Amino acid sequence: MLATLLPGEPWRNAGNTLLRRGIRVTTTLHPLQWTIMRAALFLLFLAAFRTLTAGESLPFPARTRLATGPGMEVRVAPREWDPAKTALIVCDFWDSHHCANAVKRVNEMAPRMAEVVKTARERGVLIIHAPSDCMKTYEGHPARKRAMATPPAANLPPKISEWLHWKDATEEKTGYPIDASDGGSDDTPEEEAAWKVELKRQGRDTGYPWRGEHPSVIIDEERDLISDNGIEVWSALEARGITNVLFAGVHTNMCVCGRPFGLRQLSRNGKDIVLLRDLTDTMYNPAKKPFVSHYRGTELMLAHIEQLICPTALSSEVLGGTAHTFGADKRPHLAVMIGEDEYKTWETLPAFLEQQAGKDFRLSYLLAAKEAPSRFYNTDALKTADALLVSVRRRVPPVAQTAALQAFIVRGGAVIGIRTASHAFAPRKGEPVAAGAAAWPEWDEKVLGGNYQNHLGSELKTFAKTAPGVSHPILSGLAADEWPTGGSLYRNSPLRGGAPVLLTGRAEGAENMEPVAWTHQSSGGGRVFYTSLGAPEDFGRVEFQQLLRNAIHWAAGRDIPATGVPAK
């Protein structure tokens, strides 16, 4: 029936006729009338669509970190939330701030924040706007009155109306990974002075200039709530049977964690809470410890939260669309793909990368799903990644994910492969490929330039050394002496495509030497490095750490760091 009302059908032209209950009715539509009718039909369709989608669940991966040795293991676990039992709290996403650079970052984030709020609301999620210290602005607003009218819950947690600082919480012994003792403003003295002049011109207090939520975020008068009160927020959640909370806003090391309605209070009192990590920021000045970029400081805070407070997720993983990134973060984007069950790189790689690459690269983790080991989370990161580090063993991803990998190679993305990356996307001989999946057995030859033919016995001791007469930036800081390696020796002779060998290896008692590390160029022109090293014992050796750090920088087109990896 609806098809007969679409543009292009004869009935819309002047003089066309409609049949209604057997009666011929002649209608003449003015172009303006036709435009109005089309708009009305579109709105009816949109309303029907929203009604149909409002009750759909929200499946997404939640990321946590576990302390493992010198670093942190990154893990993801699936969540599937009922929108009717979910709220999105927008914390202190103010219209201004005393830090000019903080304002710039909020303004840049605002379009995505507005999109996420709108989408979440359409999906049936309760939106709670929490611009602290600004309730006077919203006196009489229906969303504010609705929050105030909620009776206090019978199960109010003790001290739910108070700030909860890290010194009073689970992080008491660790503290924060960044020093914001100066207030965290990253304005230069000149920027600070100019911004104070501008705030005065606007008639705002230079210390507390915020007056409300950022104007780009729409507040729905009929459905949303406005509150900065822990009792009100808790009571509103309880009154609606809400157990799940998405959290967004600023700043992670201050309001986001510590407010009465913040991450600590809600998490410790039983709410399943997830921070949208692309919709937050940090008050951190790179002139303070640990002397990293502002964006790296935010990442360190996110790791702290993931380990000690609650999981995080990307807004795109929960609600679709494109995750927000800051344009001023010029670090190369390194995607890290992990999916193997033998060499524990889900522990060793994140720990290594957070220490040796996090300062210079923006890291995205593409982890295999435990519930579906050949499917990877966060493969959208391949669209913007400059380099891809692969530690995967015989996983056959869904067609779309294999296509995304191939598109990354075609556009010239750099690749760093370790250990089982030589047979990353190839099933065992004779093993069937699941429906909807796509193997890529040519990956080893066409991308890595390798020739994987199994390995020698794991009981044999193995050693590696620089190939004779070879000079390459990746070998910077490596001694010519042989060193012991972990795991069995892979057989890759002869390499295909003329890949130049950087390291050779031998197994105790075996005659032949094997190539252990080499460089190559992919069909898309991207730089490629591969090493068959990567066992847990290798990550414990300074030689392997030096090799891998150098290779990551080289593949991404960066200068090799002048300082070597510290010996331990």
Protein backbone atom coordinates (compact mmCIF):
# COMPACT_ATOMS: atom_id res chain seq x y z
CA MET A 1 0.00 0.00 0.00
CA LEU A 2 2.79 2.41 0.96
CA ALA A 3 4.40 1.82 -2.41
CA THR A 4 1.45 3.52 -4.11
CA LEU A 5 2.18 6.72 -2.15
CA LEU A 6 5.81 7.09 -3.12
CA PRO A 7 7.15 9.87 -5.39
CA GLY A 8 6.89 9.06 -9.08
CA GLU A 9 3.53 7.25 -8.88
CA PRO A 10 0.81 8.61 -11.23
CA TRP A 11 -1.50 9.68 -8.39
CA ARG A 12 0.71 12.59 -7.40
CA ASN A 13 0.23 14.45 -10.71
CA ALA A 14 -2.50 17.08 -11.15
CA GLY A 15 -5.74 15.56 -12.36
CA ASN A 16 -4.92 12.01 -11.27
CA THR A 17 -7.63 9.96 -9.65
CA LEU A 18 -7.83 7.85 -6.54
CA LEU A 19 -10.19 5.01 -5.85
CA ARG A 20 -11.63 5.07 -2.36
CA ARG A 21 -14.33 2.55 -1.43
CA GLY A 22 -15.23 2.17 -5.09
CA ILE A 23 -15.80 5.90 -5.63
CA ARG A 24 -13.72 7.72 -8.20
CA VAL A 25 -12.33 10.90 -6.65
CA THR A 26 -10.43 13.36 -8.82
CA THR A 27 -7.68 15.32 -7.03
CA THR A 28 -5.50 18.18 -8.07
CA LEU A 29 -2.39 18.74 -5.95
CA HIS A 30 -0.47 21.98 -5.88
CA PRO A 31 3.33 21.43 -5.82
CA LEU A 32 3.49 22.88 -2.30
CA GLN A 33 0.75 20.48 -1.14
CA TRP A 34 2.69 17.60 -2.64
CA THR A 35 5.86 18.68 -0.79
CA ILE A 36 3.98 18.86 2.51
CA MET A 37 2.43 15.44 1.92
CA ARG A 38 5.82 13.90 1.15
CA ALA A 39 7.25 15.39 4.33
CA ALA A 40 4.35 14.05 6.38
CA LEU A 41 4.76 10.57 4.94
CA PHE A 42 8.49 10.65 5.69
CA LEU A 43 7.83 11.66 9.30
CA LEU A 44 5.28 8.88 9.68
CA PHE A 45 7.78 6.37 8.32
CA LEU A 46 10.54 7.71 10.61
CA ALA A 47 8.28 7.49 13.65
CA ALA A 48 7.40 3.90 12.76
CA PHE A 49 11.07 3.06 12.31
CA ARG A 50 11.99 4.54 15.68
CA THR A 51 9.20 2.60 17.34
CA LEU A 52 10.49 -0.61 15.82
CA THR A 53 14.14 0.03 16.76
CA ALA A 54 13.58 1.51 20.23
CA GLY A 55 13.34 -1.88 21.89
CA GLU A 56 16.36 -3.47 20.20
CA SER A 57 19.18 -4.50 22.53
CA LEU A 58 22.54 -2.74 22.63
CA PRO A 59 25.30 -5.34 22.03
CA PHE A 60 28.87 -4.04 22.37
CA PRO A 61 32.34 -5.00 23.67
CA ALA A 62 33.40 -3.58 27.03
CA ARG A 63 37.15 -3.17 27.53
CA THR A 64 38.99 -3.75 30.80
CA ARG A 65 42.65 -4.08 31.79
CA LEU A 66 44.30 -6.50 34.15
CA ALA A 67 47.71 -5.90 35.72
CA THR A 68 50.19 -8.42 34.34
CA GLY A 69 53.84 -8.02 35.20
CA PRO A 70 55.19 -4.65 34.11
CA GLY A 71 52.11 -3.66 32.11
CA MET A 72 48.43 -4.22 31.60
CA GLU A 73 46.57 -6.94 29.75
CA VAL A 74 43.76 -5.62 27.58
CA ARG A 75 40.56 -7.67 27.52
CA VAL A 76 37.12 -7.26 26.00
CA ALA A 77 33.90 -8.93 27.08
CA PRO A 78 30.54 -8.72 25.33
CA ARG A 79 27.67 -6.79 26.85
CA GLU A 80 24.08 -6.79 25.63
CA TRP A 81 21.96 -4.18 27.35
CA ASP A 82 18.24 -3.54 27.31
CA PRO A 83 17.78 0.15 26.34
CA ALA A 84 14.82 0.41 28.72
CA LYS A 85 17.19 -0.46 31.57
CA THR A 86 19.98 1.86 30.37
CA ALA A 87 20.80 5.51 30.98
CA LEU A 88 23.35 7.80 29.37
CA ILE A 89 24.81 10.39 31.75
CA VAL A 90 26.45 13.43 30.11
CA CYS A 91 28.81 14.76 32.78
CA ASP A 92 29.91 18.41 32.90
CA PHE A 93 29.91 18.87 29.15
CA TRP A 94 29.88 22.58 29.79
CA ASP A 95 29.40 25.53 27.47
CA SER A 96 32.69 27.07 28.66
CA HIS A 97 35.73 26.50 30.86
CA HIS A 98 38.62 28.40 32.39
CA CYS A 99 41.04 26.44 30.14
CA ALA A 100 40.89 27.64 26.54
CA ASN A 101 42.26 24.38 25.13
CA ALA A 102 39.69 22.39 27.11
CA VAL A 103 36.99 24.49 25.45
CA LYS A 104 38.47 23.80 22.02
CA ARG A 105 38.44 20.07 22.64
CA VAL A 106 34.84 20.09 23.91
CA ASN A 107 33.78 22.12 20.86
CA GLU A 108 35.45 19.56 18.61
CA MET A 109 33.79 16.68 20.44
CA ALA A 110 30.36 18.34 20.55
CA PRO A 111 28.92 17.21 17.18
CA ARG A 112 29.60 13.56 17.98
CA MET A 113 28.29 13.97 21.53
CA ALA A 114 25.07 15.48 20.17
CA GLU A 115 24.72 12.63 17.67
CA VAL A 116 25.24 9.97 20.35
CA VAL A 117 22.71 11.58 22.71
CA LYS A 118 20.12 11.76 19.93
CA THR A 119 20.71 8.17 18.81
CA ALA A 120 20.64 6.81 22.38
CA ARG A 121 17.36 8.60 23.06
CA GLU A 122 15.82 7.19 19.87
CA ARG A 123 16.90 3.71 20.95
CA GLY A 124 15.01 4.09 24.23
CA VAL A 125 17.90 5.05 26.54
CA LEU A 126 17.20 7.57 29.32
CA ILE A 127 19.34 10.71 28.91
CA ILE A 128 20.52 12.46 32.08
CA HIS A 129 22.18 15.82 31.47
CA ALA A 130 24.52 16.62 34.35
CA PRO A 131 26.15 20.05 33.88
CA SER A 132 27.24 20.57 37.49
CA ASP A 133 26.86 23.97 39.17
CA CYS A 134 24.43 25.07 36.45
CA MET A 135 21.05 24.07 37.90
CA LYS A 136 19.98 27.70 38.27
CA THR A 137 20.07 28.00 34.48
CA TYR A 138 17.51 25.22 34.22
CA GLU A 139 15.04 26.38 36.87
CA GLY A 140 11.58 25.67 35.51
CA HIS A 141 12.86 23.44 32.69
CA PRO A 142 10.63 20.34 32.40
CA ALA A 143 13.65 18.01 32.42
CA ARG A 144 14.92 19.63 35.62
CA LYS A 145 11.52 19.55 37.28
CA ARG A 146 11.14 15.89 36.34
CA ALA A 147 14.40 15.01 38.09
CA MET A 148 13.49 17.01 41.20
CA ALA A 149 10.05 15.37 41.39
CA THR A 150 11.50 11.87 41.69
CA PRO A 151 11.09 10.66 45.30
CA PRO A 152 14.33 9.63 47.05
CA ALA A 153 14.99 5.93 46.54
CA ALA A 154 14.56 3.61 49.50
CA ASN A 155 18.02 2.14 48.88
CA LEU A 156 20.10 5.33 48.78
CA PRO A 157 23.76 4.35 49.19
CA PRO A 158 25.62 6.02 52.03
CA LYS A 159 27.45 9.21 50.99
CA ILE A 160 25.83 9.15 47.51
CA SER A 161 25.59 12.94 47.72
CA GLU A 162 29.36 13.36 48.20
CA TRP A 163 32.38 13.45 45.92
CA LEU A 164 34.42 10.24 45.93
CA HIS A 165 38.09 11.03 45.30
CA TRP A 166 40.77 8.47 44.44
CA LYS A 167 42.30 8.83 47.90
CA ASP A 168 39.05 7.44 49.30
CA ALA A 169 38.56 4.73 46.71
CA THR A 170 40.18 1.58 45.30
CA GLU A 171 43.00 3.60 43.74
CA GLU A 172 44.20 4.81 47.13
CA LYS A 173 47.51 2.95 46.87
CA THR A 174 48.18 3.68 43.20
CA GLY A 175 47.06 7.27 42.64
CA TYR A 176 46.66 8.66 39.16
CA PRO A 177 49.14 7.98 36.34
CA ILE A 178 49.28 11.70 35.50
CA ASP A 179 50.13 14.74 37.62
CA ALA A 180 47.44 17.43 37.54
CA SER A 181 48.56 19.21 40.71
CA ASP A 182 48.71 22.46 38.73
CA GLY A 183 45.02 22.15 37.81
CA GLY A 184 45.73 20.38 34.54
CA SER A 185 45.37 23.36 32.21
CA ASP A 186 47.54 23.00 29.11
CA ASP A 187 47.15 26.65 28.04
CA THR A 188 50.31 28.64 27.43
CA PRO A 189 50.59 31.86 29.49
CA GLU A 190 49.65 33.81 26.35
CA GLU A 191 46.60 31.61 25.70
CA GLU A 192 45.51 31.88 29.33
CA ALA A 193 45.76 35.69 29.34
CA ALA A 194 43.88 36.04 26.04
CA TRP A 195 41.15 33.66 27.20
CA LYS A 196 40.58 35.59 30.42
CA VAL A 197 40.07 38.73 28.36
CA GLU A 198 37.55 36.90 26.20
CA LEU A 199 35.67 35.50 29.20
CA LYS A 200 35.41 38.96 30.71
CA ARG A 201 34.11 40.27 27.39
CA GLN A 202 31.41 37.58 27.54
CA GLY A 203 30.56 38.62 31.08
CA ARG A 204 31.65 35.26 32.51
CA ASP A 205 33.55 34.48 35.70
CA THR A 206 37.13 33.66 34.73
CA GLY A 207 37.39 30.91 37.36
CA TYR A 208 33.98 29.25 36.87
CA PRO A 209 32.71 30.41 33.48
CA TRP A 210 30.31 27.55 32.76
CA ARG A 211 26.60 28.35 32.76
CA GLY A 212 25.04 25.25 31.26
CA GLU A 213 25.53 22.28 28.98
CA HIS A 214 27.11 22.77 25.58
CA PRO A 215 24.36 24.17 23.30
CA SER A 216 24.94 21.56 20.60
CA VAL A 217 23.48 18.83 22.85
CA ILE A 218 19.69 18.92 22.62
CA ILE A 219 17.71 18.43 25.85
CA ASP A 220 14.35 16.76 25.21
CA GLU A 221 11.77 18.42 27.41
CA GLU A 222 9.46 15.40 27.41
CA ARG A 223 11.89 12.57 28.13
CA ASP A 224 15.27 13.73 29.49
CA LEU A 225 16.39 14.62 33.00
CA ILE A 226 18.68 17.41 34.25
CA SER A 227 20.51 16.97 37.55
CA ASP A 228 23.90 17.35 39.22
CA ASN A 229 22.68 15.74 42.45
CA GLY A 230 23.79 12.24 43.43
CA ILE A 231 20.57 11.50 45.30
CA GLU A 232 18.40 12.64 42.41
CA VAL A 233 20.37 10.70 39.82
CA TRP A 234 20.41 7.51 41.88
CA SER A 235 16.71 7.82 42.64
CA ALA A 236 15.87 8.42 38.98
CA LEU A 237 17.74 5.27 37.99
CA GLU A 238 16.06 3.19 40.68
CA ALA A 239 12.59 4.52 39.91
CA ARG A 240 12.95 3.37 36.30
CA GLY A 241 14.61 0.03 37.05
CA ILE A 242 17.82 1.13 35.33
CA THR A 243 20.83 -1.07 36.07
CA ASN A 244 23.10 -0.08 33.15
CA VAL A 245 24.78 3.29 32.72
CA LEU A 246 26.71 4.71 29.79
CA PHE A 247 28.86 7.66 30.80
CA ALA A 248 30.33 10.49 28.70
CA GLY A 249 31.73 13.94 29.37
CA VAL A 250 34.69 15.65 30.95
CA HIS A 251 37.15 15.42 32.67
CA THR A 252 38.23 11.85 33.49
CA ASN A 253 40.66 12.67 36.31
CA MET A 254 38.21 15.05 37.98
CA CYS A 255 34.44 15.20 37.51
CA VAL A 256 33.94 11.98 35.55
CA CYS A 257 35.41 9.78 38.27
CA GLY A 258 34.69 11.80 41.38
CA ARG A 259 31.25 13.44 41.15
CA PRO A 260 28.44 12.07 43.35
CA PHE A 261 26.87 10.69 40.16
CA GLY A 262 30.29 9.73 38.71
CA LEU A 263 31.97 6.48 37.80
CA ARG A 264 33.18 5.52 41.27
CA GLN A 265 29.90 6.09 43.10
CA LEU A 266 27.74 4.29 40.57
CA SER A 267 30.18 1.44 40.02
CA ARG A 268 30.88 0.70 43.69
CA ASN A 269 27.14 0.80 44.45
CA GLY A 270 26.20 -1.87 41.93
CA LYS A 271 25.43 -0.22 38.61
CA ASP A 272 26.90 -1.80 35.48
CA ILE A 273 28.68 1.28 34.16
CA VAL A 274 30.70 1.80 30.98
CA LEU A 275 32.59 4.95 30.01
CA LEU A 276 32.46 5.98 26.34
CA ARG A 277 36.18 6.49 25.96
CA ASP A 278 36.04 8.53 22.75
CA LEU A 279 33.68 11.06 24.36
CA THR A 280 35.82 12.19 27.26
CA ASP A 281 38.92 14.26 27.97
CA THR A 282 41.43 14.92 30.74
CA MET A 283 42.76 17.96 32.56
CA TYR A 284 46.46 17.35 32.04
CA ASN A 285 49.40 19.62 31.29
CA PRO A 286 52.21 17.87 29.34
CA ALA A 287 54.72 19.94 31.32
CA LYS A 288 53.94 17.70 34.32
CA LYS A 289 54.75 14.02 34.90
CA PRO A 290 54.88 11.71 33.03
CA PHE A 291 55.74 14.36 30.41
CA VAL A 292 53.67 12.96 27.56
CA SER A 293 51.23 14.59 25.15
CA HIS A 294 47.83 15.66 26.41
CA TYR A 295 46.19 12.86 24.41
CA ARG A 296 48.54 10.26 25.83
CA GLY A 297 47.67 11.57 29.28
CA THR A 298 44.00 10.87 28.57
CA GLU A 299 44.89 7.35 27.41
CA LEU A 300 46.77 6.71 30.65
CA MET A 301 43.72 7.84 32.62
CA LEU A 302 41.50 5.55 30.54
CA ALA A 303 43.82 2.62 31.30
CA HIS A 304 43.62 3.53 34.99
CA ILE A 305 39.81 3.56 34.84
CA GLU A 306 39.66 0.28 32.90
CA GLN A 307 41.87 -1.43 35.46
CA LEU A 308 40.47 -0.03 38.70
CA ILE A 309 36.99 1.46 38.20
CA CYS A 310 34.91 0.28 35.23
CA PRO A 311 35.09 -0.86 31.59
CA THR A 312 35.08 1.45 28.57
CA ALA A 313 33.71 1.23 25.03
CA LEU A 314 33.72 3.34 21.90
CA SER A 315 30.50 5.21 21.19
CA SER A 316 30.55 3.69 17.69
CA GLU A 317 30.60 0.17 19.18
CA VAL A 318 27.50 0.88 21.25
CA LEU A 319 25.42 3.14 19.00
CA GLY A 320 26.98 3.02 15.53
CA GLY A 321 28.40 5.94 13.59
CA THR A 322 32.04 6.98 13.72
CA ALA A 323 34.03 7.20 16.95
CA HIS A 324 35.40 10.64 17.80
CA THR A 325 39.12 11.38 17.52
CA PHE A 326 40.89 14.68 18.18
CA GLY A 327 42.30 16.26 15.04
CA ALA A 328 45.25 17.73 16.91
CA ASP A 329 46.44 14.27 17.96
CA LYS A 330 49.04 13.80 15.22
CA ARG A 331 50.53 10.55 16.49
CA PRO A 332 50.49 7.74 13.90
CA HIS A 333 47.65 5.30 14.47
CA LEU A 334 48.82 1.74 15.27
CA ALA A 335 46.15 -0.97 15.16
CA VAL A 336 47.07 -4.10 17.14
CA MET A 337 45.35 -7.33 16.10
CA ILE A 338 45.57 -10.18 18.62
CA GLY A 339 43.99 -13.60 18.20
CA GLU A 340 45.99 -16.66 19.27
CA ASP A 341 45.85 -19.17 22.10
CA GLU A 342 49.46 -20.28 22.42
CA TYR A 343 51.92 -17.44 23.04
CA LYS A 344 49.97 -15.17 25.40
CA THR A 345 50.42 -12.03 23.33
CA TRP A 346 47.14 -10.74 24.77
CA GLU A 347 49.33 -10.18 27.86
CA THR A 348 52.80 -9.47 26.48
CA LEU A 349 51.94 -7.18 23.56
CA PRO A 350 49.78 -4.61 25.37
CA ALA A 351 52.29 -4.43 28.21
CA PHE A 352 55.14 -3.87 25.74
CA LEU A 353 53.25 -1.36 23.59
CA GLU A 354 51.99 0.75 26.48
CA GLN A 355 55.60 1.16 27.61
CA GLN A 356 57.48 1.38 24.34
CA ALA A 357 55.03 2.79 21.78
CA GLY A 358 52.15 4.51 23.57
CA LYS A 359 53.97 7.81 23.84
CA ASP A 360 54.57 7.98 20.09
CA PHE A 361 51.53 6.13 18.67
CA ARG A 362 47.78 6.15 19.10
CA LEU A 363 46.94 2.53 19.90
CA SER A 364 43.80 0.64 18.91
CA TYR A 365 43.31 -2.98 19.94
CA LEU A 366 41.52 -5.39 17.61
CA LEU A 367 41.01 -8.38 19.89
CA ALA A 368 39.50 -11.75 18.97
CA ALA A 369 36.12 -12.36 20.54
CA LYS A 370 36.19 -15.22 23.04
CA GLU A 371 32.62 -16.17 22.11
CA ALA A 372 33.58 -16.25 18.38
CA PRO A 373 37.38 -16.60 18.14
CA SER A 374 37.63 -15.78 14.43
CA ARG A 375 35.74 -12.50 14.78
CA PHE A 376 37.61 -9.41 15.90
CA TYR A 377 36.38 -6.37 17.78
CA ASN A 378 37.06 -2.80 16.60
CA THR A 379 38.03 -3.59 12.99
CA ASP A 380 36.73 -0.12 12.05
CA ALA A 381 40.13 1.08 13.30
CA LEU A 382 41.62 -0.28 10.06
CA LYS A 383 39.98 2.59 8.19
CA THR A 384 42.27 5.16 9.82
CA ALA A 385 45.25 3.07 10.96
CA ASP A 386 48.68 3.91 9.59
CA ALA A 387 50.16 0.57 10.66
CA LEU A 388 48.87 -2.84 11.74
CA LEU A 389 50.68 -5.13 14.19
CA VAL A 390 49.48 -8.72 13.80
CA SER A 391 49.68 -11.56 16.32
CA VAL A 392 47.02 -13.95 15.02
CA ARG A 393 47.06 -17.72 14.55
CA ARG A 394 44.79 -19.56 12.09
CA ARG A 395 41.71 -17.41 12.44
CA VAL A 396 39.31 -17.08 9.47
CA PRO A 397 37.43 -13.81 10.00
CA PRO A 398 34.00 -12.90 8.65
CA VAL A 399 33.98 -11.81 5.00
CA ALA A 400 33.63 -8.13 5.87
CA GLN A 401 36.59 -8.20 8.26
CA THR A 402 38.86 -9.97 5.77
CA ALA A 403 37.80 -7.40 3.17
CA ALA A 404 38.71 -4.62 5.62
CA LEU A 405 42.18 -6.16 6.06
CA GLN A 406 42.63 -6.39 2.30
CA ALA A 407 41.49 -2.79 1.84
CA PHE A 408 44.05 -1.70 4.45
CA ILE A 409 46.80 -3.41 2.44
CA VAL A 410 45.58 -1.98 -0.88
CA ARG A 411 45.75 1.58 0.43
CA GLY A 412 49.36 1.07 1.52
CA GLY A 413 49.03 0.47 5.26
CA ALA A 414 52.20 -0.73 7.00
CA VAL A 415 52.33 -4.20 8.60
CA ILE A 416 54.35 -5.58 11.49
CA GLY A 417 53.90 -9.33 11.98
CA ILE A 418 55.21 -11.46 14.83
CA ARG A 419 55.38 -15.21 15.33
CA THR A 420 52.09 -16.83 14.17
CA ALA A 421 51.24 -13.88 11.89
CA SER A 422 52.76 -16.00 9.09
CA HIS A 423 49.69 -18.25 9.24
CA ALA A 424 47.30 -15.70 10.67
CA PHE A 425 44.31 -16.13 8.35
CA ALA A 426 44.92 -19.60 6.87
CA PRO A 427 43.02 -22.63 8.15
CA ARG A 428 44.81 -25.93 8.49
CA LYS A 429 44.92 -28.03 5.33
CA GLY A 430 41.58 -29.74 4.83
CA GLU A 431 39.85 -27.70 7.53
CA PRO A 432 36.53 -26.33 6.25
CA VAL A 433 35.87 -22.59 6.23
CA ALA A 434 32.71 -21.59 8.08
CA ALA A 435 29.85 -20.03 6.17
CA GLY A 436 30.20 -16.25 6.02
CA ALA A 437 33.95 -16.40 6.65
CA ALA A 438 36.82 -15.67 4.25
CA ALA A 439 40.29 -17.22 4.55
CA TRP A 440 43.40 -15.44 3.25
CA PRO A 441 46.09 -18.13 2.78
CA GLU A 442 48.07 -15.87 0.42
CA TRP A 443 48.73 -13.41 3.26
CA ASP A 444 52.08 -14.99 4.15
CA GLU A 445 53.46 -14.86 0.60
CA LYS A 446 51.81 -11.75 -0.81
CA VAL A 447 51.93 -9.49 2.24
CA LEU A 448 54.73 -10.76 4.48
CA GLY A 449 56.98 -12.20 1.79
CA GLY A 450 57.34 -15.38 3.86
CA ASN A 451 57.30 -19.10 3.20
CA TYR A 452 56.02 -20.71 6.40
CA GLN A 453 56.56 -24.51 6.42
CA ASN A 454 55.89 -25.45 10.02
CA HIS A 455 58.69 -25.50 12.61
CA LEU A 456 61.38 -27.59 14.23
CA GLY A 457 60.79 -29.34 17.54
CA SER A 458 59.90 -27.13 20.48
CA GLU A 459 62.31 -29.06 22.72
CA LEU A 460 65.32 -27.64 20.85
CA LYS A 461 67.03 -24.51 22.17
CA THR A 462 67.00 -21.69 19.65
CA PHE A 463 69.20 -18.67 18.98
CA ALA A 464 69.13 -15.57 16.75
CA LYS A 465 71.72 -13.10 15.46
CA THR A 466 72.08 -10.29 12.96
CA ALA A 467 72.45 -11.53 9.40
CA PRO A 468 76.09 -11.16 8.23
CA GLY A 469 76.88 -7.91 6.44
CA VAL A 470 73.38 -6.44 6.86
CA SER A 471 72.82 -2.83 7.87
CA HIS A 472 69.29 -1.56 8.46
CA PRO A 473 67.61 1.01 10.76
CA ILE A 474 65.60 -1.78 12.40
CA LEU A 475 68.86 -3.25 13.69
CA SER A 476 69.86 -0.03 15.49
CA GLY A 477 71.05 -0.75 19.00
CA LEU A 478 71.29 -4.50 18.45
CA ALA A 479 74.62 -6.17 19.12
CA ALA A 480 76.02 -8.60 16.57
CA ASP A 481 76.30 -11.35 19.18
CA GLU A 482 73.93 -14.30 19.14
CA TRP A 483 71.21 -14.40 21.80
CA PRO A 484 68.81 -17.15 22.97
CA THR A 485 65.21 -16.99 21.79
CA GLY A 486 61.93 -18.50 22.94
CA GLY A 487 59.74 -20.99 21.12
CA SER A 488 60.61 -23.31 18.27
CA LEU A 489 62.43 -22.24 15.12
CA TYR A 490 60.10 -21.61 12.17
CA ARG A 491 61.10 -22.94 8.75
CA ASN A 492 60.79 -20.19 6.12
CA SER A 493 63.56 -20.98 3.61
CA PRO A 494 63.62 -19.87 0.91
CA LEU A 495 61.82 -16.57 1.38
CA ARG A 496 59.51 -15.57 -1.47
CA GLY A 497 59.68 -12.24 -3.19
CA GLY A 498 63.33 -11.58 -2.45
CA ALA A 499 62.72 -10.21 1.05
CA PRO A 500 66.00 -9.05 2.63
CA VAL A 501 66.84 -11.02 5.78
CA LEU A 502 67.73 -9.03 8.92
CA LEU A 503 68.10 -11.85 11.45
CA THR A 504 68.89 -15.51 11.11
CA GLY A 505 68.25 -18.25 13.63
CA ARG A 506 69.38 -21.74 14.46
CA ALA A 507 68.12 -24.59 16.58
CA GLU A 508 70.55 -26.53 18.72
CA GLY A 509 71.66 -29.65 16.85
CA ALA A 510 70.10 -28.62 13.54
CA GLU A 511 72.28 -27.93 10.51
CA ASN A 512 70.30 -25.30 8.62
CA MET A 513 69.96 -21.62 9.49
CA GLU A 514 66.54 -20.07 9.00
CA PRO A 515 65.46 -16.47 8.35
CA VAL A 516 64.04 -15.05 11.58
CA ALA A 517 63.28 -11.43 10.64
CA TRP A 518 62.97 -9.61 7.32
CA THR A 519 61.38 -6.64 5.56
CA HIS A 520 59.09 -6.63 2.55
CA GLN A 521 56.78 -4.36 0.59
CA SER A 522 53.10 -5.20 0.26
CA SER A 523 51.18 -5.07 -3.01
CA GLY A 524 49.79 -1.72 -1.89
CA GLY A 525 53.28 -0.30 -1.40
CA GLY A 526 53.24 -0.35 2.39
CA ARG A 527 56.29 -1.21 4.46
CA VAL A 528 56.26 -4.70 5.99
CA PHE A 529 58.32 -6.25 8.77
CA TYR A 530 58.00 -9.80 10.03
CA THR A 531 59.76 -11.83 12.70
CA SER A 532 59.10 -15.42 13.74
CA LEU A 533 60.05 -14.40 17.27
CA GLY A 534 57.36 -13.44 19.77
CA ALA A 535 57.17 -16.14 22.42
CA PRO A 536 56.75 -14.96 26.04
CA GLU A 537 60.46 -15.47 26.67
CA ASP A 538 61.30 -13.13 23.77
CA PHE A 539 59.34 -10.26 25.34
CA GLY A 540 61.54 -10.70 28.40
CA ARG A 541 64.71 -9.98 26.41
CA VAL A 542 65.96 -6.48 25.63
CA GLU A 543 67.15 -7.60 22.16
CA PHE A 544 63.65 -8.56 21.04
CA GLN A 545 62.10 -5.46 22.58
CA GLN A 546 64.66 -3.28 20.78
CA LEU A 547 63.97 -5.09 17.50
CA LEU A 548 60.20 -4.79 17.75
CA ARG A 549 60.21 -1.16 18.85
CA ASN A 550 62.54 -0.25 15.96
CA ALA A 551 60.39 -2.18 13.49
CA ILE A 552 57.19 -0.39 14.54
CA HIS A 553 58.79 3.02 14.07
CA TRP A 554 60.37 2.02 10.76
CA ALA A 555 57.16 0.56 9.33
CA ALA A 556 55.25 3.72 10.22
CA GLY A 557 57.90 5.89 8.56
CA ARG A 558 59.18 7.37 11.81
CA ASP A 559 62.77 7.90 12.87
CA ILE A 560 64.16 5.16 15.09
CA PRO A 561 64.39 6.47 18.69
CA ALA A 562 67.92 7.53 19.60
CA THR A 563 67.70 5.98 23.05
CA GLY A 564 67.64 2.22 23.33
CA VAL A 565 65.23 0.04 25.27
CA PRO A 566 66.46 -0.03 28.90
CA ALA A 567 68.13 -3.28 29.88
CA LYS A 568 66.33 -5.17 32.65
